[in-house]
């Protein structure tokens, strides 16, 4: 637990350093960045930030995989919804290659 906490603190500090050197901040605004800025404003403590990032790292993969699983099952059970989603993707993306 102590090692994990230290690793989180190191990662957050690396992120803080990266944010201080980027030219275009909007390209680097993710949840961890928002937490760091909230700490800078005094809205969160360093411990709050560490805990949130730790929970994202530990809990997010499980909840995300379960959510994606059920989403895919629901899409498979509703082919008209799948067709609508594909049309929307094609409308937005056109001939562009899909990327993550």
Protein backbone atom coordinates (compact mmCIF):
# COMPACT_ATOMS: atom_id res chain seq x y z
CA UNK A 1 0.00 0.00 0.00
CA UNK A 2 2.84 2.37 0.88
CA UNK A 3 4.66 1.53 -2.38
CA UNK A 4 1.48 2.10 -4.38
CA UNK A 5 0.88 5.45 -2.70
CA UNK A 6 4.46 6.49 -3.46
CA UNK A 7 4.09 5.42 -7.09
CA UNK A 8 0.87 7.49 -7.39
CA UNK A 9 2.59 10.52 -5.93
CA UNK A 10 5.43 10.11 -8.43
CA UNK A 11 3.02 9.80 -11.37
CA UNK A 12 1.04 12.86 -10.26
CA UNK A 13 4.23 14.87 -9.87
CA UNK A 14 5.34 13.83 -13.37
CA UNK A 15 1.95 14.93 -14.71
CA UNK A 16 2.23 18.23 -12.82
CA UNK A 17 5.68 18.84 -14.37
CA UNK A 18 4.39 18.01 -17.84
CA UNK A 19 1.48 20.42 -17.44
CA UNK A 20 3.86 23.20 -16.42
CA UNK A 21 5.86 22.85 -19.65
CA UNK A 22 3.21 22.32 -22.35
CA UNK A 23 2.46 25.06 -24.85
CA UNK A 24 -1.16 24.16 -25.56
CA UNK A 25 -2.86 23.18 -22.33
CA UNK A 26 -6.16 22.13 -23.95
CA UNK A 27 -4.46 19.15 -25.61
CA UNK A 28 -3.44 17.80 -22.19
CA UNK A 29 -6.64 18.35 -20.20
CA UNK A 30 -7.76 15.03 -18.81
CA UNK A 31 -9.27 14.04 -15.49
CA UNK A 32 -5.89 13.93 -13.72
CA UNK A 33 -5.10 17.42 -15.02
CA UNK A 34 -8.43 18.71 -13.74
CA UNK A 35 -7.66 17.23 -10.32
CA UNK A 36 -4.24 18.89 -10.25
CA UNK A 37 -5.73 22.27 -11.15
CA UNK A 38 -8.41 21.81 -8.49
CA UNK A 39 -5.64 21.26 -5.97
CA UNK A 40 -3.81 24.36 -7.23
CA UNK A 41 -7.01 26.39 -6.67
CA UNK A 42 -7.33 24.98 -3.17
CA UNK A 43 -10.49 22.97 -3.97
CA UNK A 44 -8.77 19.63 -3.23
CA UNK A 45 -5.91 18.49 -1.06
CA UNK A 46 -2.92 16.52 -2.36
CA UNK A 47 -4.36 13.48 -0.58
CA UNK A 48 -7.70 13.95 -2.41
CA UNK A 49 -5.89 14.04 -5.74
CA UNK A 50 -3.80 10.97 -4.89
CA UNK A 51 -6.88 9.03 -3.81
CA UNK A 52 -8.87 9.94 -6.94
CA UNK A 53 -6.03 8.93 -9.26
CA UNK A 54 -5.46 5.72 -7.33
CA UNK A 55 -9.16 4.84 -7.57
CA UNK A 56 -9.12 5.56 -11.31
CA UNK A 57 -6.16 3.23 -11.77
CA UNK A 58 -7.60 0.41 -9.67
CA UNK A 59 -11.37 0.61 -10.16
CA UNK A 60 -11.76 1.99 -13.67
CA UNK A 61 -10.66 -1.12 -15.62
CA UNK A 62 -13.24 -3.32 -13.86
CA UNK A 63 -16.16 -0.93 -14.16
CA UNK A 64 -15.22 -0.01 -17.72
CA UNK A 65 -15.01 -3.61 -18.87
CA UNK A 66 -18.39 -4.47 -17.32
CA UNK A 67 -19.99 -1.37 -18.83
CA UNK A 68 -18.58 -2.10 -22.29
CA UNK A 69 -19.70 -5.72 -22.06
CA UNK A 70 -23.30 -4.77 -21.27
CA UNK A 71 -23.27 -2.02 -23.90
CA UNK A 72 -22.18 -4.51 -26.56
CA UNK A 73 -24.84 -7.01 -25.47
CA UNK A 74 -27.53 -4.32 -25.67
CA UNK A 75 -26.36 -3.22 -29.11
CA UNK A 76 -26.39 -6.85 -30.30
CA UNK A 77 -29.94 -7.26 -28.99
CA UNK A 78 -31.14 -4.11 -30.81
CA UNK A 79 -29.99 -4.25 -34.45
CA UNK A 80 -31.88 -1.07 -35.41
CA UNK A 81 -29.90 0.86 -32.80
CA UNK A 82 -26.68 -0.66 -34.17
CA UNK A 83 -27.64 0.45 -37.69
CA UNK A 84 -28.36 3.98 -36.46
CA UNK A 85 -25.00 4.09 -34.66
CA UNK A 86 -23.18 2.93 -37.80
CA UNK A 87 -24.94 5.59 -39.89
CA UNK A 88 -23.97 8.28 -37.40
CA UNK A 89 -20.35 7.10 -37.39
CA UNK A 90 -20.28 7.14 -41.19
CA UNK A 91 -21.86 10.62 -41.25
CA UNK A 92 -19.33 12.04 -38.81
CA UNK A 93 -16.25 10.18 -40.05
CA UNK A 94 -16.97 10.04 -43.77
CA UNK A 95 -14.10 8.24 -45.50
CA UNK A 96 -11.68 8.85 -42.61
CA UNK A 97 -10.12 5.81 -40.97
CA UNK A 98 -11.48 5.14 -37.46
CA UNK A 99 -9.01 5.72 -34.66
CA UNK A 100 -9.14 5.11 -30.93
